[in-house]
Amino acid sequence: MVNRLTYLLKLASGQAAPMGPVADRAKVEALKLMRTPQIREALSQSPDGLDRIRSLMQTAGLAA
C-alpha cells in the first residue's frame, strides 16, 4: 500500500504525469489513502519511508 501511495504522490506532483485532472484525482486518492490505519501503521514502522512520503507530499503541495 505504501508503494501505491508513493505512486499517487508522484502523479499528484507532476513527476509521473503532466499536471491536470489526473494529478488532481491523484491528490484526492492519496489523501484518502493516508487516512487508512494500514498506511499509518506501515509508515510508523519505517522512518525512511515516512521521510520519502513527507518529501513527496511537500512536492505535491499537500503538506507544509
PDB file of N, CA and C in Angstrom:
ATOM      1  N   MET A   1       0.810  -1.197   0.000  1.00  0.00           N
ATOM      2  CA  MET A   1       0.000   0.000   0.000  1.00  0.00           C
ATOM      3  C   MET A   1       0.854   1.262   0.000  1.00  0.00           C
ATOM      4  N   VAL A   2       1.998   1.200   0.637  1.00  0.00           N
ATOM      5  CA  VAL A   2       2.878   2.368   0.648  1.00  0.00           C
ATOM      6  C   VAL A   2       3.370   2.662  -0.765  1.00  0.00           C
ATOM      7  N   ASN A   3       3.590   1.603  -1.546  1.00  0.00           N
ATOM      8  CA  ASN A   3       4.001   1.814  -2.942  1.00  0.00           C
ATOM      9  C   ASN A   3       2.922   2.533  -3.733  1.00  0.00           C
ATOM     10  N   ARG A   4       1.676   2.180  -3.478  1.00  0.00           N
ATOM     11  CA  ARG A   4       0.569   2.856  -4.165  1.00  0.00           C
ATOM     12  C   ARG A   4       0.523   4.324  -3.767  1.00  0.00           C
ATOM     13  N   LEU A   5       0.698   4.613  -2.490  1.00  0.00           N
ATOM     14  CA  LEU A   5       0.709   5.990  -2.017  1.00  0.00           C
ATOM     15  C   LEU A   5       1.846   6.770  -2.665  1.00  0.00           C
ATOM     16  N   THR A   6       3.009   6.154  -2.742  1.00  0.00           N
ATOM     17  CA  THR A   6       4.161   6.801  -3.378  1.00  0.00           C
ATOM     18  C   THR A   6       3.850   7.150  -4.829  1.00  0.00           C
ATOM     19  N   TYR A   7       3.269   6.212  -5.554  1.00  0.00           N
ATOM     20  CA  TYR A   7       2.945   6.460  -6.963  1.00  0.00           C
ATOM     21  C   TYR A   7       1.893   7.557  -7.102  1.00  0.00           C
ATOM     22  N   LEU A   8       0.875   7.536  -6.253  1.00  0.00           N
ATOM     23  CA  LEU A   8      -0.143   8.584  -6.300  1.00  0.00           C
ATOM     24  C   LEU A   8       0.462   9.961  -6.037  1.00  0.00           C
ATOM     25  N   LEU A   9       1.376  10.034  -5.088  1.00  0.00           N
ATOM     26  CA  LEU A   9       2.012  11.319  -4.791  1.00  0.00           C
ATOM     27  C   LEU A   9       2.903  11.781  -5.941  1.00  0.00           C
ATOM     28  N   LYS A  10       3.540  10.839  -6.627  1.00  0.00           N
ATOM     29  CA  LYS A  10       4.331  11.215  -7.808  1.00  0.00           C
ATOM     30  C   LYS A  10       3.426  11.738  -8.908  1.00  0.00           C
ATOM     31  N   LEU A  11       2.265  11.123  -9.079  1.00  0.00           N
ATOM     32  CA  LEU A  11       1.291  11.631 -10.051  1.00  0.00           C
ATOM     33  C   LEU A  11       0.808  13.019  -9.648  1.00  0.00           C
ATOM     34  N   ALA A  12       0.513  13.194  -8.367  1.00  0.00           N
ATOM     35  CA  ALA A  12      -0.019  14.466  -7.873  1.00  0.00           C
ATOM     36  C   ALA A  12       0.982  15.606  -8.007  1.00  0.00           C
ATOM     37  N   SER A  13       2.267  15.286  -7.933  1.00  0.00           N
ATOM     38  CA  SER A  13       3.288  16.337  -8.012  1.00  0.00           C
ATOM     39  C   SER A  13       3.777  16.590  -9.428  1.00  0.00           C
ATOM     40  N   GLY A  14       3.288  15.820 -10.375  1.00  0.00           N
ATOM     41  CA  GLY A  14       3.694  16.023 -11.772  1.00  0.00           C
ATOM     42  C   GLY A  14       4.951  15.274 -12.152  1.00  0.00           C
ATOM     43  N   GLN A  15       5.447  14.390 -11.293  1.00  0.00           N
ATOM     44  CA  GLN A  15       6.655  13.626 -11.607  1.00  0.00           C
ATOM     45  C   GLN A  15       6.376  12.444 -12.531  1.00  0.00           C
ATOM     46  N   ALA A  16       5.173  11.867 -12.447  1.00  0.00           N
ATOM     47  CA  ALA A  16       4.863  10.671 -13.232  1.00  0.00           C
ATOM     48  C   ALA A  16       3.887  10.949 -14.361  1.00  0.00           C
ATOM     49  N   ALA A  17       3.288  12.122 -14.377  1.00  0.00           N
ATOM     50  CA  ALA A  17       2.340  12.507 -15.416  1.00  0.00           C
ATOM     51  C   ALA A  17       2.225  14.021 -15.406  1.00  0.00           C
ATOM     52  N   PRO A  18       1.760  14.604 -16.505  1.00  0.00           N
ATOM     53  CA  PRO A  18       1.602  16.056 -16.521  1.00  0.00           C
ATOM     54  C   PRO A  18       0.534  16.519 -15.525  1.00  0.00           C
ATOM     55  N   MET A  19       0.656  17.742 -15.077  1.00  0.00           N
ATOM     56  CA  MET A  19      -0.329  18.314 -14.166  1.00  0.00           C
ATOM     57  C   MET A  19      -1.659  18.448 -14.905  1.00  0.00           C
ATOM     58  N   GLY A  20      -2.729  18.305 -14.193  1.00  0.00           N
ATOM     59  CA  GLY A  20      -4.058  18.402 -14.784  1.00  0.00           C
ATOM     60  C   GLY A  20      -5.031  17.545 -14.004  1.00  0.00           C
ATOM     61  N   PRO A  21      -6.058  17.048 -14.667  1.00  0.00           N
ATOM     62  CA  PRO A  21      -7.091  16.265 -13.983  1.00  0.00           C
ATOM     63  C   PRO A  21      -6.554  15.001 -13.311  1.00  0.00           C
ATOM     64  N   VAL A  22      -5.577  14.368 -13.932  1.00  0.00           N
ATOM     65  CA  VAL A  22      -5.014  13.148 -13.334  1.00  0.00           C
ATOM     66  C   VAL A  22      -4.300  13.489 -12.027  1.00  0.00           C
ATOM     67  N   ALA A  23      -3.552  14.558 -12.014  1.00  0.00           N
ATOM     68  CA  ALA A  23      -2.846  14.974 -10.798  1.00  0.00           C
ATOM     69  C   ALA A  23      -3.838  15.355  -9.703  1.00  0.00           C
ATOM     70  N   ASP A  24      -4.903  16.034 -10.083  1.00  0.00           N
ATOM     71  CA  ASP A  24      -5.918  16.420  -9.099  1.00  0.00           C
ATOM     72  C   ASP A  24      -6.578  15.189  -8.488  1.00  0.00           C
ATOM     73  N   ARG A  25      -6.899  14.218  -9.314  1.00  0.00           N
ATOM     74  CA  ARG A  25      -7.521  12.983  -8.822  1.00  0.00           C
ATOM     75  C   ARG A  25      -6.543  12.204  -7.934  1.00  0.00           C
ATOM     76  N   ALA A  26      -5.273  12.208  -8.312  1.00  0.00           N
ATOM     77  CA  ALA A  26      -4.258  11.510  -7.521  1.00  0.00           C
ATOM     78  C   ALA A  26      -4.121  12.139  -6.137  1.00  0.00           C
ATOM     79  N   LYS A  27      -4.226  13.460  -6.046  1.00  0.00           N
ATOM     80  CA  LYS A  27      -4.170  14.136  -4.739  1.00  0.00           C
ATOM     81  C   LYS A  27      -5.308  13.668  -3.848  1.00  0.00           C
ATOM     82  N   VAL A  28      -6.503  13.612  -4.410  1.00  0.00           N
ATOM     83  CA  VAL A  28      -7.673  13.180  -3.638  1.00  0.00           C
ATOM     84  C   VAL A  28      -7.485  11.748  -3.155  1.00  0.00           C
ATOM     85  N   GLU A  29      -7.053  10.870  -4.055  1.00  0.00           N
ATOM     86  CA  GLU A  29      -6.872   9.461  -3.691  1.00  0.00           C
ATOM     87  C   GLU A  29      -5.744   9.282  -2.669  1.00  0.00           C
ATOM     88  N   ALA A  30      -4.683  10.063  -2.799  1.00  0.00           N
ATOM     89  CA  ALA A  30      -3.574   9.975  -1.842  1.00  0.00           C
ATOM     90  C   ALA A  30      -4.030  10.400  -0.454  1.00  0.00           C
ATOM     91  N   LEU A  31      -4.828  11.450  -0.379  1.00  0.00           N
ATOM     92  CA  LEU A  31      -5.332  11.893   0.919  1.00  0.00           C
ATOM     93  C   LEU A  31      -6.248  10.846   1.544  1.00  0.00           C
ATOM     94  N   LYS A  32      -7.075  10.196   0.732  1.00  0.00           N
ATOM     95  CA  LYS A  32      -7.928   9.114   1.245  1.00  0.00           C
ATOM     96  C   LYS A  32      -7.074   7.975   1.789  1.00  0.00           C
ATOM     97  N   LEU A  33      -6.050   7.621   1.031  1.00  0.00           N
ATOM     98  CA  LEU A  33      -5.193   6.512   1.424  1.00  0.00           C
ATOM     99  C   LEU A  33      -4.414   6.830   2.696  1.00  0.00           C
ATOM    100  N   MET A  34      -4.027   8.088   2.861  1.00  0.00           N
ATOM    101  CA  MET A  34      -3.278   8.496   4.055  1.00  0.00           C
ATOM    102  C   MET A  34      -4.098   8.327   5.336  1.00  0.00           C
ATOM    103  N   ARG A  35      -5.409   8.323   5.207  1.00  0.00           N
ATOM    104  CA  ARG A  35      -6.279   8.205   6.375  1.00  0.00           C
ATOM    105  C   ARG A  35      -6.481   6.765   6.834  1.00  0.00           C
ATOM    106  N   THR A  36      -6.041   5.796   6.053  1.00  0.00           N
ATOM    107  CA  THR A  36      -6.274   4.402   6.418  1.00  0.00           C
ATOM    108  C   THR A  36      -5.303   3.957   7.511  1.00  0.00           C
ATOM    109  N   PRO A  37      -5.780   3.133   8.426  1.00  0.00           N
ATOM    110  CA  PRO A  37      -4.914   2.658   9.507  1.00  0.00           C
ATOM    111  C   PRO A  37      -3.721   1.840   9.003  1.00  0.00           C
ATOM    112  N   GLN A  38      -3.891   1.106   7.912  1.00  0.00           N
ATOM    113  CA  GLN A  38      -2.801   0.283   7.392  1.00  0.00           C
ATOM    114  C   GLN A  38      -1.623   1.148   6.942  1.00  0.00           C
ATOM    115  N   ILE A  39      -1.909   2.237   6.272  1.00  0.00           N
ATOM    116  CA  ILE A  39      -0.836   3.141   5.813  1.00  0.00           C
ATOM    117  C   ILE A  39      -0.163   3.798   7.012  1.00  0.00           C
ATOM    118  N   ARG A  40      -0.936   4.254   7.947  1.00  0.00           N
ATOM    119  CA  ARG A  40      -0.364   4.904   9.130  1.00  0.00           C
ATOM    120  C   ARG A  40       0.559   3.949   9.879  1.00  0.00           C
ATOM    121  N   GLU A  41       0.117   2.708  10.014  1.00  0.00           N
ATOM    122  CA  GLU A  41       0.941   1.716  10.704  1.00  0.00           C
ATOM    123  C   GLU A  41       2.217   1.422   9.924  1.00  0.00           C
ATOM    124  N   ALA A  42       2.092   1.244   8.614  1.00  0.00           N
ATOM    125  CA  ALA A  42       3.260   0.942   7.792  1.00  0.00           C
ATOM    126  C   ALA A  42       4.271   2.089   7.833  1.00  0.00           C
ATOM    127  N   LEU A  43       3.789   3.319   7.795  1.00  0.00           N
ATOM    128  CA  LEU A  43       4.694   4.473   7.832  1.00  0.00           C
ATOM    129  C   LEU A  43       5.334   4.643   9.202  1.00  0.00           C
ATOM    130  N   SER A  44       4.619   4.298  10.256  1.00  0.00           N
ATOM    131  CA  SER A  44       5.195   4.429  11.586  1.00  0.00           C
ATOM    132  C   SER A  44       6.310   3.415  11.821  1.00  0.00           C
ATOM    133  N   GLN A  45       6.288   2.321  11.097  1.00  0.00           N
ATOM    134  CA  GLN A  45       7.310   1.293  11.239  1.00  0.00           C
ATOM    135  C   GLN A  45       8.525   1.542  10.356  1.00  0.00           C
ATOM    136  N   SER A  46       8.417   2.499   9.440  1.00  0.00           N
ATOM    137  CA  SER A  46       9.511   2.756   8.509  1.00  0.00           C
ATOM    138  C   SER A  46       9.855   4.252   8.489  1.00  0.00           C
ATOM    139  N   PRO A  47      10.812   4.684   9.296  1.00  0.00           N
ATOM    140  CA  PRO A  47      11.177   6.108   9.307  1.00  0.00           C
ATOM    141  C   PRO A  47      11.672   6.613   7.947  1.00  0.00           C
ATOM    142  N   ASP A  48      12.395   5.776   7.207  1.00  0.00           N
ATOM    143  CA  ASP A  48      12.872   6.196   5.883  1.00  0.00           C
ATOM    144  C   ASP A  48      11.702   6.395   4.931  1.00  0.00           C
ATOM    145  N   GLY A  49      10.748   5.493   4.995  1.00  0.00           N
ATOM    146  CA  GLY A  49       9.554   5.602   4.154  1.00  0.00           C
ATOM    147  C   GLY A  49       8.759   6.844   4.483  1.00  0.00           C
ATOM    148  N   LEU A  50       8.670   7.153   5.767  1.00  0.00           N
ATOM    149  CA  LEU A  50       7.942   8.345   6.187  1.00  0.00           C
ATOM    150  C   LEU A  50       8.613   9.606   5.658  1.00  0.00           C
ATOM    151  N   ASP A  51       9.928   9.669   5.700  1.00  0.00           N
ATOM    152  CA  ASP A  51      10.649  10.825   5.168  1.00  0.00           C
ATOM    153  C   ASP A  51      10.414  10.978   3.665  1.00  0.00           C
ATOM    154  N   ARG A  52      10.430   9.860   2.952  1.00  0.00           N
ATOM    155  CA  ARG A  52      10.198   9.887   1.498  1.00  0.00           C
ATOM    156  C   ARG A  52       8.778  10.362   1.192  1.00  0.00           C
ATOM    157  N   ILE A  53       7.800   9.858   1.934  1.00  0.00           N
ATOM    158  CA  ILE A  53       6.407  10.253   1.726  1.00  0.00           C
ATOM    159  C   ILE A  53       6.220  11.729   2.065  1.00  0.00           C
ATOM    160  N   ARG A  54       6.834  12.173   3.164  1.00  0.00           N
ATOM    161  CA  ARG A  54       6.730  13.576   3.563  1.00  0.00           C
ATOM    162  C   ARG A  54       7.285  14.491   2.469  1.00  0.00           C
ATOM    163  N   SER A  55       8.408  14.103   1.897  1.00  0.00           N
ATOM    164  CA  SER A  55       9.011  14.888   0.823  1.00  0.00           C
ATOM    165  C   SER A  55       8.096  14.960  -0.400  1.00  0.00           C
ATOM    166  N   LEU A  56       7.513  13.823  -0.769  1.00  0.00           N
ATOM    167  CA  LEU A  56       6.592  13.794  -1.912  1.00  0.00           C
ATOM    168  C   LEU A  56       5.344  14.618  -1.631  1.00  0.00           C
ATOM    169  N   MET A  57       4.867  14.583  -0.398  1.00  0.00           N
ATOM    170  CA  MET A  57       3.687  15.366  -0.040  1.00  0.00           C
ATOM    171  C   MET A  57       3.979  16.868  -0.167  1.00  0.00           C
ATOM    172  N   GLN A  58       5.157  17.282   0.243  1.00  0.00           N
ATOM    173  CA  GLN A  58       5.526  18.691   0.109  1.00  0.00           C
ATOM    174  C   GLN A  58       5.621  19.080  -1.354  1.00  0.00           C
ATOM    175  N   THR A  59       6.188  18.213  -2.167  1.00  0.00           N
ATOM    176  CA  THR A  59       6.304  18.493  -3.599  1.00  0.00           C
ATOM    177  C   THR A  59       4.930  18.603  -4.249  1.00  0.00           C
ATOM    178  N   ALA A  60       4.006  17.761  -3.808  1.00  0.00           N
ATOM    179  CA  ALA A  60       2.651  17.774  -4.370  1.00  0.00           C
ATOM    180  C   ALA A  60       1.790  18.903  -3.797  1.00  0.00           C
ATOM    181  N   GLY A  61       2.305  19.611  -2.807  1.00  0.00           N
ATOM    182  CA  GLY A  61       1.562  20.699  -2.210  1.00  0.00           C
ATOM    183  C   GLY A  61       0.533  20.259  -1.190  1.00  0.00           C
ATOM    184  N   LEU A  62       0.730  19.073  -0.616  1.00  0.00           N
ATOM    185  CA  LEU A  62      -0.220  18.541   0.346  1.00  0.00           C
ATOM    186  C   LEU A  62       0.243  18.717   1.790  1.00  0.00           C
ATOM    187  N   ALA A  63       1.447  19.204   2.008  1.00  0.00           N
ATOM    188  CA  ALA A  63       1.969  19.398   3.366  1.00  0.00           C
ATOM    189  C   ALA A  63       2.808  20.670   3.395  1.00  0.00           C
ATOM    190  N   ALA A  64       2.860  21.255   4.569  1.00  0.00           N
ATOM    191  CA  ALA A  64       3.654  22.485   4.714  1.00  0.00           C
ATOM    192  C   ALA A  64       5.096  22.168   5.030  1.00  0.00           C
TER     193      ALA A  64
END
